[in-house]
Amino acid sequence: MTSTPASAAGGGRTADPECSPTGPGLWNIANILTMVRLLLVPGFVLLMFAEGGHDPAWRSLAWAAFTIAMITDLFDGELARRHNLVTDFGKIADPIADKAIMGSALICLSLLSELPWWVTATILARELGITLMRFWVIRHGVIPASRGGKLKTLAQGIAVGMYILVLTGPLATLRWWVMGLAVVLTVATGLDYVRQAVTLRRRGLARERADGR
């Protein structure tokens, strides 16, 4: 008995490892981008504090690292959803990477006395609070990302990026207003998320009571 070549049995096609019955593997493009973002965090921090933390050249390199990290954040989630590359690792690592790069940037800027600590505390408290809120309502459903949330992320990224660069004159004034907008959106979207989470949990509990659980 002769065996049939694998290429013939599959109609001339080879198996796609990312479409295997066991699901996408760990080493897919979405997860790799997330890993790159995580690896950029320590490098970014070192660049921020190089030569005392106020050298324009080193800060420009830090801005480049921050920008690359933010760009990967735009693409890894979209790639994972579009090409069915969602993995347990990605679900955990992606939000950690997001908060790690933004949190490290805010803390570095405050340590360098370039950003008030209350701004850093407000943004980090919101992000941590929303993360805990997700766990609070996760068995009742998932709250989708809103336009306000996406705008908040964009405003934060632009504002922090402008603070990372050593700017003077009108641009230094402009970044203050952009950061002010980012803080307002951070608080407003956070409150809206709390409202949605409370509503979702109440509906979930009402369904459970109706089902006799």
Protein backbone atom coordinates (compact mmCIF):
# COMPACT_ATOMS: atom_id res chain seq x y z
CA MET A 1 0.00 0.00 0.00
CA THR A 2 1.40 3.38 -0.97
CA SER A 3 0.91 6.46 1.12
CA THR A 4 -0.65 9.60 -0.31
CA PRO A 5 1.59 12.69 -0.23
CA ALA A 6 0.42 15.35 2.19
CA SER A 7 0.30 17.97 -0.57
CA ALA A 8 -1.94 15.75 -2.70
CA ALA A 9 -4.26 14.89 0.15
CA GLY A 10 -4.77 18.55 0.90
CA GLY A 11 -5.42 19.55 -2.69
CA GLY A 12 -1.95 21.08 -3.00
CA ARG A 13 -2.35 23.20 0.17
CA THR A 14 -0.29 22.99 3.30
CA ALA A 15 -1.83 23.31 6.73
CA ASP A 16 -1.91 26.78 8.21
CA PRO A 17 -0.52 26.56 11.76
CA GLU A 18 -2.56 29.58 12.81
CA CYS A 19 -5.79 27.86 11.73
CA SER A 20 -5.18 24.57 13.53
CA PRO A 21 -8.01 22.89 15.46
CA THR A 22 -6.27 23.80 18.71
CA GLY A 23 -6.45 27.50 17.90
CA PRO A 24 -3.78 30.09 17.11
CA GLY A 25 -0.32 29.50 18.49
CA LEU A 26 1.53 31.75 20.90
CA TRP A 27 3.99 32.99 18.27
CA ASN A 28 1.61 34.92 16.02
CA ILE A 29 2.05 38.48 14.77
CA ALA A 30 -0.42 39.99 17.27
CA ASN A 31 1.33 38.44 20.28
CA ILE A 32 4.76 39.35 18.91
CA LEU A 33 3.72 43.02 18.68
CA THR A 34 2.48 42.85 22.27
CA MET A 35 5.81 41.35 23.38
CA VAL A 36 7.69 44.11 21.53
CA ARG A 37 5.64 46.70 23.43
CA LEU A 38 6.50 45.05 26.74
CA LEU A 39 10.20 44.92 25.86
CA LEU A 40 10.18 48.60 24.91
CA VAL A 41 9.14 49.66 28.41
CA PRO A 42 12.51 49.22 30.22
CA GLY A 43 14.35 50.69 27.25
CA PHE A 44 12.02 53.68 27.26
CA VAL A 45 12.61 54.29 30.98
CA LEU A 46 16.39 54.17 30.52
CA LEU A 47 16.17 56.67 27.65
CA MET A 48 13.99 59.00 29.73
CA PHE A 49 16.56 59.24 32.52
CA ALA A 50 19.71 59.25 30.36
CA GLU A 51 22.00 62.25 30.99
CA GLY A 52 19.85 63.44 33.89
CA GLY A 53 16.56 63.12 32.04
CA HIS A 54 16.53 66.51 30.32
CA ASP A 55 18.75 66.00 27.29
CA PRO A 56 16.75 66.75 24.11
CA ALA A 57 18.50 64.04 22.06
CA TRP A 58 17.84 61.25 24.55
CA ARG A 59 14.30 62.45 25.08
CA SER A 60 13.73 62.32 21.33
CA LEU A 61 14.84 58.69 21.35
CA ALA A 62 12.50 58.05 24.29
CA TRP A 63 9.68 59.64 22.27
CA ALA A 64 10.48 57.33 19.36
CA ALA A 65 10.27 54.27 21.64
CA PHE A 66 6.99 55.52 23.12
CA THR A 67 5.55 56.18 19.66
CA ILE A 68 6.48 52.71 18.40
CA ALA A 69 4.84 51.19 21.47
CA MET A 70 1.64 53.18 20.89
CA ILE A 71 1.57 52.19 17.21
CA THR A 72 1.86 48.49 18.08
CA ASP A 73 -1.06 49.01 20.45
CA LEU A 74 -3.16 50.17 17.49
CA PHE A 75 -2.38 47.11 15.41
CA ASP A 76 -2.02 44.05 17.65
CA GLY A 77 -5.62 43.97 18.85
CA GLU A 78 -7.02 44.62 15.38
CA LEU A 79 -4.83 41.91 13.85
CA ALA A 80 -5.85 39.43 16.55
CA ARG A 81 -9.56 39.99 15.94
CA ARG A 82 -9.42 40.21 12.16
CA HIS A 83 -7.28 37.09 11.65
CA ASN A 84 -8.63 35.02 14.56
CA LEU A 85 -5.37 35.22 16.50
CA VAL A 86 -6.89 35.84 19.93
CA THR A 87 -5.06 33.82 22.61
CA ASP A 88 -5.18 33.64 26.41
CA PHE A 89 -1.70 35.16 26.47
CA GLY A 90 -2.85 38.09 24.36
CA LYS A 91 -5.91 38.71 26.53
CA ILE A 92 -3.67 39.06 29.58
CA ALA A 93 -0.51 40.60 28.10
CA ASP A 94 -2.14 43.23 25.86
CA PRO A 95 -3.78 45.32 28.62
CA ILE A 96 -0.67 44.89 30.80
CA ALA A 97 1.52 46.21 27.98
CA ASP A 98 -0.83 49.14 27.38
CA LYS A 99 -0.78 50.22 31.01
CA ALA A 100 2.95 49.53 31.39
CA ILE A 101 4.06 51.91 28.65
CA MET A 102 1.59 54.67 29.54
CA GLY A 103 2.12 54.29 33.29
CA SER A 104 5.90 54.31 33.00
CA ALA A 105 5.78 57.44 30.83
CA LEU A 106 3.54 59.29 33.29
CA ILE A 107 5.61 58.27 36.32
CA CYS A 108 8.89 59.21 34.58
CA LEU A 109 7.53 62.65 33.70
CA SER A 110 6.34 63.24 37.26
CA LEU A 111 9.67 62.06 38.72
CA LEU A 112 11.37 64.57 36.42
CA SER A 113 8.99 67.27 37.77
CA GLU A 114 7.57 67.93 34.30
CA LEU A 115 4.06 66.64 34.95
CA PRO A 116 2.06 67.20 38.16
CA TRP A 117 1.64 64.06 40.22
CA TRP A 118 -2.12 64.62 40.44
CA VAL A 119 -2.36 64.16 36.66
CA THR A 120 -0.43 60.89 36.84
CA ALA A 121 -2.48 59.71 39.83
CA THR A 122 -5.78 60.57 38.12
CA ILE A 123 -4.98 58.68 34.93
CA LEU A 124 -3.47 55.64 36.67
CA ALA A 125 -6.32 55.45 39.20
CA ARG A 126 -8.84 55.49 36.36
CA GLU A 127 -7.05 52.72 34.45
CA LEU A 128 -6.64 50.53 37.54
CA GLY A 129 -10.22 51.15 38.61
CA ILE A 130 -11.63 50.21 35.21
CA THR A 131 -9.55 47.02 35.19
CA LEU A 132 -10.99 46.02 38.56
CA MET A 133 -14.47 46.98 37.33
CA ARG A 134 -14.11 44.60 34.37
CA PHE A 135 -13.50 41.71 36.78
CA TRP A 136 -16.51 42.83 38.82
CA VAL A 137 -18.94 42.50 35.92
CA ILE A 138 -17.20 39.94 33.70
CA ARG A 139 -19.71 37.16 34.39
CA HIS A 140 -22.57 39.41 33.35
CA GLY A 141 -21.08 40.57 30.05
CA VAL A 142 -18.49 42.78 28.41
CA ILE A 143 -18.76 46.53 27.92
CA PRO A 144 -17.58 47.39 24.40
CA ALA A 145 -15.03 50.12 23.77
CA SER A 146 -16.72 53.45 23.14
CA ARG A 147 -15.77 56.30 20.87
CA GLY A 148 -15.04 58.35 23.96
CA GLY A 149 -12.66 55.69 25.24
CA LYS A 150 -10.81 55.59 21.93
CA LEU A 151 -10.60 59.39 21.86
CA LYS A 152 -9.30 59.32 25.43
CA THR A 153 -6.52 56.92 24.44
CA LEU A 154 -5.59 59.09 21.47
CA ALA A 155 -5.54 62.27 23.56
CA GLN A 156 -3.41 60.62 26.24
CA GLY A 157 -0.95 59.33 23.68
CA ILE A 158 -0.55 62.72 21.98
CA ALA A 159 -0.32 64.64 25.26
CA VAL A 160 2.23 62.30 26.86
CA GLY A 161 4.22 62.23 23.63
CA MET A 162 4.40 66.03 23.63
CA TYR A 163 5.58 66.02 27.25
CA ILE A 164 8.28 63.47 26.48
CA LEU A 165 9.78 65.80 23.89
CA VAL A 166 11.65 68.83 25.18
CA LEU A 167 9.37 71.57 23.85
CA THR A 168 9.44 75.33 24.41
CA GLY A 169 7.33 78.31 23.42
CA PRO A 170 3.82 77.84 21.98
CA LEU A 171 4.21 74.06 21.71
CA ALA A 172 4.93 73.82 25.43
CA THR A 173 1.72 75.77 26.08
CA LEU A 174 -0.24 73.64 23.62
CA ARG A 175 0.76 70.40 25.28
CA TRP A 176 -0.69 71.67 28.56
CA TRP A 177 -4.08 72.12 26.90
CA VAL A 178 -3.87 68.72 25.20
CA MET A 179 -3.08 67.09 28.54
CA GLY A 180 -6.01 68.97 30.09
CA LEU A 181 -8.30 67.51 27.42
CA ALA A 182 -6.86 64.04 28.05
CA VAL A 183 -7.56 64.34 31.79
CA VAL A 184 -11.15 65.50 31.18
CA LEU A 185 -11.76 62.60 28.79
CA THR A 186 -10.11 60.20 31.24
CA VAL A 187 -12.46 61.18 34.06
CA ALA A 188 -15.58 61.45 31.87
CA THR A 189 -15.14 58.08 30.17
CA GLY A 190 -14.25 56.50 33.50
CA LEU A 191 -17.51 57.70 35.06
CA ASP A 192 -19.45 56.53 32.01
CA TYR A 193 -17.80 53.10 32.27
CA VAL A 194 -18.83 52.87 35.94
CA ARG A 195 -22.42 53.74 34.97
CA GLN A 196 -22.48 51.06 32.28
CA ALA A 197 -20.89 48.50 34.59
CA VAL A 198 -23.45 49.10 37.35
CA THR A 199 -26.31 48.86 34.83
CA LEU A 200 -24.88 45.66 33.32
CA ARG A 201 -24.48 44.06 36.74
CA ARG A 202 -28.01 44.97 37.81
CA ARG A 203 -29.45 43.45 34.64
CA GLY A 204 -27.32 40.34 35.11
CA LEU A 205 -28.47 39.88 38.69
CA ALA A 206 -32.09 40.45 37.64
CA ARG A 207 -31.78 37.71 35.00
CA GLU A 208 -30.29 35.35 37.56
CA ARG A 209 -33.14 35.97 39.97
CA ALA A 210 -35.66 35.48 37.15
CA ASP A 211 -34.02 32.14 36.28
CA GLY A 212 -34.26 31.08 39.91
CA ARG A 213 -30.52 30.92 40.51
